[in-house]
């Protein structure tokens, strides 16, 4: 497998590739904050504009589920509820459930 295939599949590659293709200069960041990544990216872009760090910014988000699986996926030690039941603000709450 060619080296570019390894690099091109890295989770942080998209931001740098877009910056390169658009001939942009300055930082190219990948934000990973679970469900809030897009909003955090927009917030960081706005803060950079407000502080004068930059005069222009591009921010956005994309969601890719990989591997493509259906159904509820519980993995020990991760954020999903072991019983698949959402109990927000409840004493019986056991982590997060999303489906």
N, C-alpha and C. Protein backbone atom coordinates (compact mmCIF):
# COMPACT_ATOMS: atom_id res chain seq x y z
N UNK A 1 0.85 -1.18 0.00
CA UNK A 1 0.00 0.00 0.00
C UNK A 1 0.89 1.24 0.00
N UNK A 2 0.55 2.20 -0.81
CA UNK A 2 1.33 3.43 -0.91
C UNK A 2 1.21 4.25 0.37
N UNK A 3 2.26 5.01 0.66
CA UNK A 3 2.28 5.85 1.86
C UNK A 3 1.12 6.83 1.86
N UNK A 4 0.77 7.39 0.70
CA UNK A 4 -0.33 8.36 0.65
C UNK A 4 -1.66 7.75 1.06
N UNK A 5 -1.83 6.44 0.87
CA UNK A 5 -3.06 5.78 1.32
C UNK A 5 -3.16 5.75 2.83
N UNK A 6 -2.03 5.55 3.51
CA UNK A 6 -2.04 5.57 4.97
C UNK A 6 -2.35 6.97 5.47
N UNK A 7 -1.69 7.96 4.91
CA UNK A 7 -1.88 9.35 5.34
C UNK A 7 -3.30 9.81 5.02
N UNK A 8 -3.80 9.47 3.84
CA UNK A 8 -5.12 9.91 3.41
C UNK A 8 -6.26 9.33 4.22
N UNK A 9 -6.02 8.25 4.94
CA UNK A 9 -7.06 7.65 5.77
C UNK A 9 -6.98 8.06 7.23
N UNK A 10 -6.04 8.92 7.57
CA UNK A 10 -5.93 9.37 8.95
C UNK A 10 -7.11 10.26 9.30
N UNK A 11 -7.57 10.18 10.54
CA UNK A 11 -8.76 10.93 10.98
C UNK A 11 -8.55 12.44 10.90
N UNK A 12 -7.32 12.91 10.93
CA UNK A 12 -7.04 14.34 10.91
C UNK A 12 -6.67 14.86 9.52
N UNK A 13 -6.81 14.06 8.51
CA UNK A 13 -6.33 14.41 7.18
C UNK A 13 -7.24 15.38 6.44
N UNK A 14 -8.54 15.33 6.65
CA UNK A 14 -9.48 16.11 5.84
C UNK A 14 -9.23 17.61 5.93
N UNK A 15 -9.01 18.14 7.12
CA UNK A 15 -8.79 19.59 7.27
C UNK A 15 -7.55 20.05 6.51
N UNK A 16 -6.46 19.29 6.62
CA UNK A 16 -5.24 19.69 5.93
C UNK A 16 -5.37 19.53 4.42
N UNK A 17 -6.08 18.53 3.98
CA UNK A 17 -6.27 18.32 2.54
C UNK A 17 -7.11 19.45 1.93
N UNK A 18 -8.17 19.85 2.62
CA UNK A 18 -9.00 20.96 2.13
C UNK A 18 -8.18 22.24 2.08
N UNK A 19 -7.42 22.52 3.13
CA UNK A 19 -6.58 23.72 3.16
C UNK A 19 -5.58 23.71 2.00
N UNK A 20 -4.99 22.56 1.73
CA UNK A 20 -4.04 22.45 0.63
C UNK A 20 -4.72 22.69 -0.72
N UNK A 21 -5.86 22.06 -0.94
CA UNK A 21 -6.57 22.19 -2.22
C UNK A 21 -7.05 23.62 -2.47
N UNK A 22 -7.42 24.33 -1.40
CA UNK A 22 -7.90 25.71 -1.54
C UNK A 22 -6.77 26.73 -1.43
N UNK A 23 -5.53 26.24 -1.31
CA UNK A 23 -4.34 27.08 -1.20
C UNK A 23 -4.45 28.05 -0.02
N UNK A 24 -4.95 27.54 1.10
CA UNK A 24 -5.10 28.36 2.30
C UNK A 24 -3.83 28.30 3.13
N UNK A 25 -3.58 29.36 3.87
CA UNK A 25 -2.42 29.39 4.77
C UNK A 25 -2.92 29.51 6.21
N UNK A 26 -2.07 29.19 7.14
CA UNK A 26 -2.46 29.25 8.54
C UNK A 26 -2.83 27.87 9.06
N UNK A 27 -3.33 27.82 10.29
CA UNK A 27 -3.64 26.53 10.91
C UNK A 27 -4.78 25.79 10.20
N UNK A 28 -4.67 24.49 10.14
CA UNK A 28 -5.75 23.62 9.67
C UNK A 28 -5.99 22.63 10.81
N UNK A 29 -7.14 22.74 11.46
CA UNK A 29 -7.40 21.97 12.68
C UNK A 29 -8.50 20.95 12.49
N UNK A 30 -8.37 19.84 13.18
CA UNK A 30 -9.45 18.87 13.30
C UNK A 30 -9.90 18.89 14.75
N UNK A 31 -11.17 19.15 14.96
CA UNK A 31 -11.74 19.22 16.30
C UNK A 31 -12.51 17.93 16.57
N UNK A 32 -12.21 17.28 17.67
CA UNK A 32 -12.91 16.04 18.03
C UNK A 32 -13.45 16.16 19.45
N UNK A 33 -14.72 16.52 19.54
CA UNK A 33 -15.37 16.65 20.85
C UNK A 33 -16.70 15.92 20.84
N UNK A 34 -16.72 14.74 20.26
CA UNK A 34 -17.92 13.90 20.17
C UNK A 34 -19.03 14.66 19.44
N UNK A 35 -20.18 14.78 20.06
CA UNK A 35 -21.36 15.36 19.40
C UNK A 35 -21.24 16.86 19.12
N UNK A 36 -20.34 17.54 19.79
CA UNK A 36 -20.27 19.00 19.66
C UNK A 36 -19.16 19.48 18.74
N UNK A 37 -18.52 18.61 17.99
CA UNK A 37 -17.36 18.99 17.18
C UNK A 37 -17.63 20.15 16.23
N UNK A 38 -18.73 20.12 15.50
CA UNK A 38 -19.04 21.19 14.55
C UNK A 38 -19.22 22.52 15.25
N UNK A 39 -19.96 22.52 16.35
CA UNK A 39 -20.20 23.75 17.09
C UNK A 39 -18.92 24.29 17.71
N UNK A 40 -18.07 23.43 18.23
CA UNK A 40 -16.80 23.86 18.79
C UNK A 40 -15.90 24.43 17.69
N UNK A 41 -15.92 23.83 16.51
CA UNK A 41 -15.13 24.34 15.39
C UNK A 41 -15.58 25.75 15.00
N UNK A 42 -16.89 25.96 14.93
CA UNK A 42 -17.43 27.29 14.60
C UNK A 42 -17.06 28.28 15.70
N UNK A 43 -17.18 27.87 16.96
CA UNK A 43 -16.82 28.74 18.09
C UNK A 43 -15.36 29.15 18.01
N UNK A 44 -14.47 28.18 17.76
CA UNK A 44 -13.04 28.49 17.67
C UNK A 44 -12.74 29.42 16.51
N UNK A 45 -13.43 29.24 15.39
CA UNK A 45 -13.25 30.13 14.24
C UNK A 45 -13.69 31.55 14.61
N UNK A 46 -14.84 31.67 15.26
CA UNK A 46 -15.35 32.99 15.68
C UNK A 46 -14.40 33.67 16.65
N UNK A 47 -13.88 32.92 17.61
CA UNK A 47 -12.94 33.48 18.58
C UNK A 47 -11.65 33.94 17.91
N UNK A 48 -11.17 33.19 16.93
CA UNK A 48 -9.97 33.59 16.20
C UNK A 48 -10.21 34.87 15.40
N UNK A 49 -11.40 35.00 14.83
CA UNK A 49 -11.75 36.22 14.10
C UNK A 49 -11.86 37.40 15.06
N UNK A 50 -12.54 37.21 16.18
CA UNK A 50 -12.74 38.29 17.16
C UNK A 50 -11.43 38.77 17.76
N UNK A 51 -10.51 37.85 18.00
CA UNK A 51 -9.24 38.22 18.63
C UNK A 51 -8.23 38.78 17.63
N UNK A 52 -8.55 38.71 16.34
CA UNK A 52 -7.63 39.22 15.33
C UNK A 52 -6.56 38.23 14.92
N UNK A 53 -6.67 36.99 15.37
CA UNK A 53 -5.70 35.96 14.96
C UNK A 53 -5.76 35.71 13.46
N UNK A 54 -6.93 35.94 12.88
CA UNK A 54 -7.10 35.73 11.44
C UNK A 54 -8.14 36.71 10.91
N UNK A 55 -8.16 36.88 9.60
CA UNK A 55 -9.15 37.77 8.98
C UNK A 55 -10.25 36.98 8.29
N UNK A 56 -10.06 35.68 8.17
CA UNK A 56 -11.03 34.81 7.51
C UNK A 56 -10.87 33.40 8.08
N UNK A 57 -11.99 32.68 8.18
CA UNK A 57 -11.94 31.31 8.71
C UNK A 57 -13.00 30.46 8.02
N UNK A 58 -12.70 29.18 7.89
CA UNK A 58 -13.66 28.21 7.39
C UNK A 58 -13.87 27.19 8.50
N UNK A 59 -15.12 26.91 8.82
CA UNK A 59 -15.41 25.92 9.86
C UNK A 59 -16.59 25.07 9.42
N UNK A 60 -16.59 23.83 9.81
CA UNK A 60 -17.70 22.96 9.44
C UNK A 60 -17.58 21.64 10.16
N UNK A 61 -18.41 20.71 9.76
CA UNK A 61 -18.38 19.41 10.40
C UNK A 61 -18.91 18.33 9.48
N UNK A 62 -18.54 17.12 9.81
CA UNK A 62 -18.98 15.96 9.06
C UNK A 62 -19.10 14.79 10.04
N UNK A 63 -20.06 13.94 9.81
CA UNK A 63 -20.22 12.76 10.65
C UNK A 63 -20.16 11.51 9.80
N UNK A 64 -19.24 10.64 10.14
CA UNK A 64 -19.09 9.38 9.41
C UNK A 64 -19.13 8.25 10.43
N UNK A 65 -20.03 7.31 10.25
CA UNK A 65 -20.09 6.15 11.11
C UNK A 65 -19.27 5.03 10.48
N UNK A 66 -18.22 4.64 11.17
CA UNK A 66 -17.37 3.57 10.65
C UNK A 66 -16.96 2.68 11.79
N UNK A 67 -17.04 1.41 11.72
CA UNK A 67 -17.59 0.67 10.59
C UNK A 67 -19.10 0.82 10.52
N UNK A 68 -19.64 0.60 9.36
CA UNK A 68 -21.08 0.73 9.12
C UNK A 68 -21.78 -0.45 9.79
N UNK A 69 -22.32 -0.21 10.96
CA UNK A 69 -23.03 -1.27 11.68
C UNK A 69 -24.43 -0.78 12.03
N UNK A 70 -25.33 -1.69 12.19
CA UNK A 70 -26.68 -1.34 12.60
C UNK A 70 -26.94 -1.84 14.00
N UNK A 71 -27.90 -1.24 14.66
CA UNK A 71 -28.25 -1.68 16.00
C UNK A 71 -27.47 -0.96 17.07
N UNK A 72 -27.67 -1.37 18.28
CA UNK A 72 -27.03 -0.75 19.43
C UNK A 72 -25.67 -1.37 19.67
N UNK A 73 -24.65 -0.55 19.83
CA UNK A 73 -23.29 -1.05 20.00
C UNK A 73 -22.74 -0.62 21.35
N UNK A 74 -22.74 -1.54 22.30
CA UNK A 74 -22.17 -1.26 23.62
C UNK A 74 -20.77 -1.84 23.69
N UNK A 75 -19.82 -1.03 24.15
CA UNK A 75 -18.46 -1.50 24.36
C UNK A 75 -18.05 -1.12 25.78
N UNK A 76 -17.58 -2.07 26.52
CA UNK A 76 -17.21 -1.84 27.92
C UNK A 76 -16.21 -0.70 28.03
N UNK A 77 -16.47 0.19 28.98
CA UNK A 77 -15.56 1.31 29.23
C UNK A 77 -15.81 2.51 28.34
N UNK A 78 -16.74 2.42 27.42
CA UNK A 78 -17.02 3.54 26.53
C UNK A 78 -18.21 4.34 27.07
N UNK A 79 -18.76 5.25 26.26
CA UNK A 79 -19.76 6.18 26.78
C UNK A 79 -21.19 5.67 26.71
N UNK A 80 -21.46 4.61 25.98
CA UNK A 80 -22.84 4.15 25.83
C UNK A 80 -23.33 3.37 27.05
N UNK A 81 -24.60 3.50 27.32
CA UNK A 81 -25.24 2.81 28.45
C UNK A 81 -25.20 1.30 28.23
N UNK A 82 -24.81 0.53 29.24
CA UNK A 82 -24.72 -0.92 29.07
C UNK A 82 -26.07 -1.59 28.82
N UNK A 83 -27.17 -0.98 29.30
CA UNK A 83 -28.48 -1.60 29.08
C UNK A 83 -29.25 -0.96 27.93
N UNK A 84 -28.67 0.06 27.29
CA UNK A 84 -29.32 0.68 26.14
C UNK A 84 -30.50 1.57 26.48
N UNK A 85 -30.64 1.94 27.75
CA UNK A 85 -31.77 2.77 28.16
C UNK A 85 -31.27 4.15 28.57
N UNK A 86 -31.92 5.17 28.06
CA UNK A 86 -31.57 6.55 28.36
C UNK A 86 -32.33 7.00 29.61
N UNK A 87 -31.60 7.49 30.61
CA UNK A 87 -32.23 7.97 31.84
C UNK A 87 -31.62 9.32 32.22
N UNK A 88 -31.86 10.37 31.44
CA UNK A 88 -31.26 11.66 31.77
C UNK A 88 -31.77 12.18 33.11
N UNK A 89 -30.89 12.76 33.89
CA UNK A 89 -31.21 13.37 35.18
C UNK A 89 -31.80 12.37 36.18
N UNK A 90 -31.51 11.11 36.03
CA UNK A 90 -32.04 10.06 36.90
C UNK A 90 -30.89 9.44 37.69
N UNK A 91 -31.15 9.08 38.92
CA UNK A 91 -30.13 8.43 39.75
C UNK A 91 -29.70 7.10 39.16
N UNK A 92 -30.54 6.48 38.34
CA UNK A 92 -30.23 5.20 37.71
C UNK A 92 -29.51 5.35 36.37
N UNK A 93 -29.19 6.57 35.98
CA UNK A 93 -28.52 6.82 34.69
C UNK A 93 -27.18 6.10 34.65
N UNK A 94 -26.91 5.47 33.51
CA UNK A 94 -25.64 4.76 33.30
C UNK A 94 -25.07 5.21 31.97
N UNK A 95 -24.37 6.29 31.98
CA UNK A 95 -23.71 6.85 30.81
C UNK A 95 -24.71 7.36 29.78
N UNK A 96 -24.33 7.30 28.52
CA UNK A 96 -25.01 7.98 27.43
C UNK A 96 -25.65 6.96 26.50
N UNK A 97 -26.78 7.31 25.94
CA UNK A 97 -27.41 6.45 24.94
C UNK A 97 -27.77 7.29 23.74
N UNK A 98 -27.41 6.82 22.58
CA UNK A 98 -27.71 7.56 21.35
C UNK A 98 -28.11 6.56 20.28
N UNK A 99 -29.28 6.76 19.72
CA UNK A 99 -29.70 5.93 18.60
C UNK A 99 -30.68 6.66 17.75
